[in-house]
Amino acid sequence: MKDSSSKRKQKDESPKKTEAAPAHTGDELASALEQGAEYKDKYLRAMADYQNLERRVQDERQELIPMIRRQIIKEFLPVLANLDTAEKFITDPGLKMIKDQFMQTLGNLGVTEIDVVGKPFDPHTAEAIEAVPGNEDGIVVEVLRKGYQINGKVIQHAQVKVSKKSS
């Protein structure tokens, strides 16, 4: 037992090692603080850039969805024109039902026909194909191809005949 107690005493008597903190000069401390502030500034700038990127991607996505919808609907407009033409020559209740259902579906997507007949010609909604003699100048007298818009934005201009006052 003596051995173990003597070992304990030796351990207790061994000199304690204390590490002295390295002496920092004021310049080193100021440099470290400046570098820390620089890193913080870079971090905040990087975070702001990332948030701007997220916002820009979200905005682009929000703009892309309606654009794709308009493009897809534009692809279906010739089909609708063919249904209109077929309806003029064929009196079939099934054809009318299909055309009406198609129009209702397009209406649910925000598509509306541009009404131009009897109104002054507007180049924002119609394309003049022919000028015909008439009593007034610049009035749409006939639609050759219907025009459509989605939520007020034209996706297909109407092709029309416009009156020209005879001299």
C-alpha atoms as a PDB file:
ATOM      1  CA  MET A   1       0.000   0.000   0.000  1.00  0.00           C
ATOM      2  CA  LYS A   2       2.930   2.208   0.537  1.00  0.00           C
ATOM      3  CA  ASP A   3       3.716   2.080  -3.115  1.00  0.00           C
ATOM      4  CA  SER A   4       0.385   3.447  -4.175  1.00  0.00           C
ATOM      5  CA  SER A   5       0.417   6.263  -1.647  1.00  0.00           C
ATOM      6  CA  SER A   6       3.920   7.265  -2.615  1.00  0.00           C
ATOM      7  CA  LYS A   7       2.912   7.329  -6.280  1.00  0.00           C
ATOM      8  CA  ARG A   8       0.048   9.647  -5.419  1.00  0.00           C
ATOM      9  CA  LYS A   9       2.411  11.993  -3.601  1.00  0.00           C
ATOM     10  CA  GLN A  10       4.737  12.025  -6.560  1.00  0.00           C
ATOM     11  CA  LYS A  11       1.865  12.952  -8.811  1.00  0.00           C
ATOM     12  CA  ASP A  12       0.763  15.704  -6.496  1.00  0.00           C
ATOM     13  CA  GLU A  13       4.289  17.038  -6.158  1.00  0.00           C
ATOM     14  CA  SER A  14       4.962  17.093  -9.877  1.00  0.00           C
ATOM     15  CA  PRO A  15       5.149  20.640 -11.136  1.00  0.00           C
ATOM     16  CA  LYS A  16       1.912  21.870 -12.688  1.00  0.00           C
ATOM     17  CA  LYS A  17       2.265  22.909 -16.262  1.00  0.00           C
ATOM     18  CA  THR A  18       0.515  26.142 -16.978  1.00  0.00           C
ATOM     19  CA  GLU A  19       0.446  27.364 -20.486  1.00  0.00           C
ATOM     20  CA  ALA A  20       0.867  31.030 -20.716  1.00  0.00           C
ATOM     21  CA  ALA A  21      -1.401  32.691 -23.235  1.00  0.00           C
ATOM     22  CA  PRO A  22       0.637  34.045 -26.102  1.00  0.00           C
ATOM     23  CA  ALA A  23       0.927  37.745 -25.869  1.00  0.00           C
ATOM     24  CA  HIS A  24      -1.063  39.467 -28.616  1.00  0.00           C
ATOM     25  CA  THR A  25      -0.184  42.882 -29.673  1.00  0.00           C
ATOM     26  CA  GLY A  26      -2.802  45.493 -30.269  1.00  0.00           C
ATOM     27  CA  ASP A  27      -2.055  45.447 -33.989  1.00  0.00           C
ATOM     28  CA  GLU A  28      -2.681  41.707 -34.262  1.00  0.00           C
ATOM     29  CA  LEU A  29      -5.969  42.035 -32.399  1.00  0.00           C
ATOM     30  CA  ALA A  30      -7.107  44.942 -34.551  1.00  0.00           C
ATOM     31  CA  SER A  31      -6.131  42.997 -37.666  1.00  0.00           C
ATOM     32  CA  ALA A  32      -8.098  39.954 -36.501  1.00  0.00           C
ATOM     33  CA  LEU A  33     -11.158  42.096 -35.707  1.00  0.00           C
ATOM     34  CA  GLU A  34     -10.915  43.774 -39.098  1.00  0.00           C
ATOM     35  CA  GLN A  35     -10.641  40.409 -40.827  1.00  0.00           C
ATOM     36  CA  GLY A  36     -13.639  39.132 -38.854  1.00  0.00           C
ATOM     37  CA  ALA A  37     -15.680  42.173 -39.902  1.00  0.00           C
ATOM     38  CA  GLU A  38     -14.597  41.612 -43.513  1.00  0.00           C
ATOM     39  CA  TYR A  39     -15.717  37.965 -43.379  1.00  0.00           C
ATOM     40  CA  LYS A  40     -19.038  39.004 -41.836  1.00  0.00           C
ATOM     41  CA  ASP A  41     -19.560  41.593 -44.583  1.00  0.00           C
ATOM     42  CA  LYS A  42     -18.789  38.989 -47.283  1.00  0.00           C
ATOM     43  CA  TYR A  43     -21.174  36.537 -45.640  1.00  0.00           C
ATOM     44  CA  LEU A  44     -23.977  39.109 -45.498  1.00  0.00           C
ATOM     45  CA  ARG A  45     -23.391  40.060 -49.140  1.00  0.00           C
ATOM     46  CA  ALA A  46     -23.437  36.408 -50.190  1.00  0.00           C
ATOM     47  CA  MET A  47     -26.693  35.864 -48.282  1.00  0.00           C
ATOM     48  CA  ALA A  48     -28.247  38.940 -49.921  1.00  0.00           C
ATOM     49  CA  ASP A  49     -27.112  37.732 -53.354  1.00  0.00           C
ATOM     50  CA  TYR A  50     -28.615  34.316 -52.688  1.00  0.00           C
ATOM     51  CA  GLN A  51     -31.923  35.825 -51.536  1.00  0.00           C
ATOM     52  CA  ASN A  52     -31.997  38.017 -54.667  1.00  0.00           C
ATOM     53  CA  LEU A  53     -31.348  34.932 -56.796  1.00  0.00           C
ATOM     54  CA  GLU A  54     -34.187  33.049 -55.103  1.00  0.00           C
ATOM     55  CA  ARG A  55     -36.550  35.994 -55.651  1.00  0.00           C
ATOM     56  CA  ARG A  56     -35.479  36.365 -59.303  1.00  0.00           C
ATOM     57  CA  VAL A  57     -35.981  32.638 -59.975  1.00  0.00           C
ATOM     58  CA  GLN A  58     -39.424  32.793 -58.327  1.00  0.00           C
ATOM     59  CA  ASP A  59     -40.373  35.850 -60.415  1.00  0.00           C
ATOM     60  CA  GLU A  60     -39.192  34.174 -63.618  1.00  0.00           C
ATOM     61  CA  ARG A  61     -41.163  31.058 -62.734  1.00  0.00           C
ATOM     62  CA  GLN A  62     -44.277  33.159 -62.140  1.00  0.00           C
ATOM     63  CA  GLU A  63     -43.820  34.826 -65.544  1.00  0.00           C
ATOM     64  CA  LEU A  64     -43.084  31.556 -67.307  1.00  0.00           C
ATOM     65  CA  ILE A  65     -46.275  29.761 -66.276  1.00  0.00           C
ATOM     66  CA  PRO A  66     -48.705  32.188 -68.010  1.00  0.00           C
ATOM     67  CA  MET A  67     -46.427  32.378 -71.045  1.00  0.00           C
ATOM     68  CA  ILE A  68     -46.466  28.590 -71.435  1.00  0.00           C
ATOM     69  CA  ARG A  69     -50.244  28.543 -70.909  1.00  0.00           C
ATOM     70  CA  ARG A  70     -50.700  31.166 -73.669  1.00  0.00           C
ATOM     71  CA  GLN A  71     -48.457  29.206 -76.023  1.00  0.00           C
ATOM     72  CA  ILE A  72     -50.345  25.961 -75.468  1.00  0.00           C
ATOM     73  CA  ILE A  73     -53.708  27.651 -75.950  1.00  0.00           C
ATOM     74  CA  LYS A  74     -52.453  29.301 -79.156  1.00  0.00           C
ATOM     75  CA  GLU A  75     -51.760  25.807 -80.493  1.00  0.00           C
ATOM     76  CA  PHE A  76     -55.433  24.880 -79.960  1.00  0.00           C
ATOM     77  CA  LEU A  77     -56.914  27.963 -81.666  1.00  0.00           C
ATOM     78  CA  PRO A  78     -56.650  26.506 -85.210  1.00  0.00           C
ATOM     79  CA  VAL A  79     -58.635  23.494 -83.960  1.00  0.00           C
ATOM     80  CA  LEU A  80     -61.319  25.878 -82.710  1.00  0.00           C
ATOM     81  CA  ALA A  81     -61.315  27.679 -86.070  1.00  0.00           C
ATOM     82  CA  ASN A  82     -61.817  24.328 -87.825  1.00  0.00           C
ATOM     83  CA  LEU A  83     -64.721  23.509 -85.505  1.00  0.00           C
ATOM     84  CA  ASP A  84     -66.285  26.906 -86.366  1.00  0.00           C
ATOM     85  CA  THR A  85     -65.866  26.227 -90.074  1.00  0.00           C
ATOM     86  CA  ALA A  86     -67.279  22.712 -89.771  1.00  0.00           C
ATOM     87  CA  GLU A  87     -70.263  24.065 -87.836  1.00  0.00           C
ATOM     88  CA  LYS A  88     -71.122  26.379 -90.761  1.00  0.00           C
ATOM     89  CA  PHE A  89     -71.385  23.447 -93.161  1.00  0.00           C
ATOM     90  CA  ILE A  90     -72.599  20.624 -90.926  1.00  0.00           C
ATOM     91  CA  THR A  91     -75.587  20.831 -88.614  1.00  0.00           C
ATOM     92  CA  ASP A  92     -74.702  18.129 -86.151  1.00  0.00           C
ATOM     93  CA  PRO A  93     -75.705  18.446 -82.482  1.00  0.00           C
ATOM     94  CA  GLY A  94     -72.631  16.427 -81.462  1.00  0.00           C
ATOM     95  CA  LEU A  95     -70.323  18.866 -83.260  1.00  0.00           C
ATOM     96  CA  LYS A  96     -72.018  21.816 -81.568  1.00  0.00           C
ATOM     97  CA  MET A  97     -71.731  20.110 -78.181  1.00  0.00           C
ATOM     98  CA  ILE A  98     -67.998  19.457 -78.690  1.00  0.00           C
ATOM     99  CA  LYS A  99     -67.360  23.044 -79.829  1.00  0.00           C
ATOM    100  CA  ASP A 100     -69.326  24.469 -76.894  1.00  0.00           C
ATOM    101  CA  GLN A 101     -67.455  22.254 -74.440  1.00  0.00           C
ATOM    102  CA  PHE A 102     -64.141  23.289 -76.004  1.00  0.00           C
ATOM    103  CA  MET A 103     -65.106  26.970 -75.703  1.00  0.00           C
ATOM    104  CA  GLN A 104     -66.163  26.444 -72.091  1.00  0.00           C
ATOM    105  CA  THR A 105     -62.824  24.797 -71.286  1.00  0.00           C
ATOM    106  CA  LEU A 106     -60.936  27.673 -72.900  1.00  0.00           C
ATOM    107  CA  GLY A 107     -63.170  30.104 -70.981  1.00  0.00           C
ATOM    108  CA  ASN A 108     -62.239  28.348 -67.727  1.00  0.00           C
ATOM    109  CA  LEU A 109     -58.604  29.042 -68.618  1.00  0.00           C
ATOM    110  CA  GLY A 110     -59.379  32.760 -69.044  1.00  0.00           C
ATOM    111  CA  VAL A 111     -59.716  32.789 -72.836  1.00  0.00           C
ATOM    112  CA  THR A 112     -62.312  35.133 -74.333  1.00  0.00           C
ATOM    113  CA  GLU A 113     -63.187  36.023 -77.895  1.00  0.00           C
ATOM    114  CA  ILE A 114     -62.408  39.598 -78.924  1.00  0.00           C
ATOM    115  CA  ASP A 115     -65.613  41.277 -80.102  1.00  0.00           C
ATOM    116  CA  VAL A 116     -64.714  43.668 -82.929  1.00  0.00           C
ATOM    117  CA  VAL A 117     -67.637  43.739 -85.407  1.00  0.00           C
ATOM    118  CA  GLY A 118     -69.308  47.159 -85.665  1.00  0.00           C
ATOM    119  CA  LYS A 119     -66.597  48.811 -83.565  1.00  0.00           C
ATOM    120  CA  PRO A 120     -63.808  51.173 -84.637  1.00  0.00           C
ATOM    121  CA  PHE A 121     -60.726  49.344 -85.881  1.00  0.00           C
ATOM    122  CA  ASP A 122     -58.126  48.877 -83.132  1.00  0.00           C
ATOM    123  CA  PRO A 123     -54.691  47.693 -84.280  1.00  0.00           C
ATOM    124  CA  HIS A 124     -54.005  46.318 -80.792  1.00  0.00           C
ATOM    125  CA  THR A 125     -56.757  43.713 -81.147  1.00  0.00           C
ATOM    126  CA  ALA A 126     -57.230  43.278 -84.895  1.00  0.00           C
ATOM    127  CA  GLU A 127     -55.330  43.039 -88.143  1.00  0.00           C
ATOM    128  CA  ALA A 128     -56.901  44.746 -91.178  1.00  0.00           C
ATOM    129  CA  ILE A 129     -56.847  42.367 -94.130  1.00  0.00           C
ATOM    130  CA  GLU A 130     -59.058  44.298 -96.510  1.00  0.00           C
ATOM    131  CA  ALA A 131     -60.653  47.729 -96.855  1.00  0.00           C
ATOM    132  CA  VAL A 132     -64.209  47.686 -98.194  1.00  0.00           C
ATOM    133  CA  PRO A 133     -66.466  50.598 -99.178  1.00  0.00           C
ATOM    134  CA  GLY A 134     -68.725  51.777 -96.373  1.00  0.00           C
ATOM    135  CA  ASN A 135     -70.574  54.723 -94.827  1.00  0.00           C
ATOM    136  CA  GLU A 136     -67.972  55.373 -92.115  1.00  0.00           C
ATOM    137  CA  ASP A 137     -64.196  55.228 -92.036  1.00  0.00           C
ATOM    138  CA  GLY A 138     -62.380  52.626 -89.914  1.00  0.00           C
ATOM    139  CA  ILE A 139     -65.301  50.469 -88.718  1.00  0.00           C
ATOM    140  CA  VAL A 140     -64.874  46.684 -88.625  1.00  0.00           C
ATOM    141  CA  VAL A 141     -67.516  45.193 -90.919  1.00  0.00           C
ATOM    142  CA  GLU A 142     -66.551  41.519 -91.055  1.00  0.00           C
ATOM    143  CA  VAL A 143     -64.325  39.070 -89.176  1.00  0.00           C
ATOM    144  CA  LEU A 144     -62.293  36.674 -91.313  1.00  0.00           C
ATOM    145  CA  ARG A 145     -60.543  35.024 -88.353  1.00  0.00           C
ATOM    146  CA  LYS A 146     -61.629  35.442 -84.740  1.00  0.00           C
ATOM    147  CA  GLY A 147     -59.298  37.030 -82.216  1.00  0.00           C
ATOM    148  CA  TYR A 148     -58.780  35.783 -78.657  1.00  0.00           C
ATOM    149  CA  GLN A 149     -57.306  37.094 -75.437  1.00  0.00           C
ATOM    150  CA  ILE A 150     -56.350  35.640 -72.071  1.00  0.00           C
ATOM    151  CA  ASN A 151     -57.109  37.831 -69.098  1.00  0.00           C
ATOM    152  CA  GLY A 152     -57.011  40.934 -71.295  1.00  0.00           C
ATOM    153  CA  LYS A 153     -53.792  39.999 -73.136  1.00  0.00           C
ATOM    154  CA  VAL A 154     -54.202  39.326 -76.874  1.00  0.00           C
ATOM    155  CA  ILE A 155     -53.002  35.889 -77.957  1.00  0.00           C
ATOM    156  CA  GLN A 156     -54.448  35.997 -81.485  1.00  0.00           C
ATOM    157  CA  HIS A 157     -55.388  39.168 -83.336  1.00  0.00           C
ATOM    158  CA  ALA A 158     -58.667  39.110 -85.228  1.00  0.00           C
ATOM    159  CA  GLN A 159     -58.307  39.354 -89.002  1.00  0.00           C
ATOM    160  CA  VAL A 160     -60.963  41.762 -90.251  1.00  0.00           C
ATOM    161  CA  LYS A 161     -62.388  43.772 -93.116  1.00  0.00           C
ATOM    162  CA  VAL A 162     -62.528  47.488 -92.367  1.00  0.00           C
ATOM    163  CA  SER A 163     -64.840  50.047 -93.953  1.00  0.00           C
ATOM    164  CA  LYS A 164     -63.443  52.933 -95.937  1.00  0.00           C
ATOM    165  CA  LYS A 165     -65.723  55.885 -96.567  1.00  0.00           C
ATOM    166  CA  SER A 166     -66.447  56.305-100.267  1.00  0.00           C
ATOM    167  CA  SER A 167     -65.805  59.768-101.660  1.00  0.00           C
END
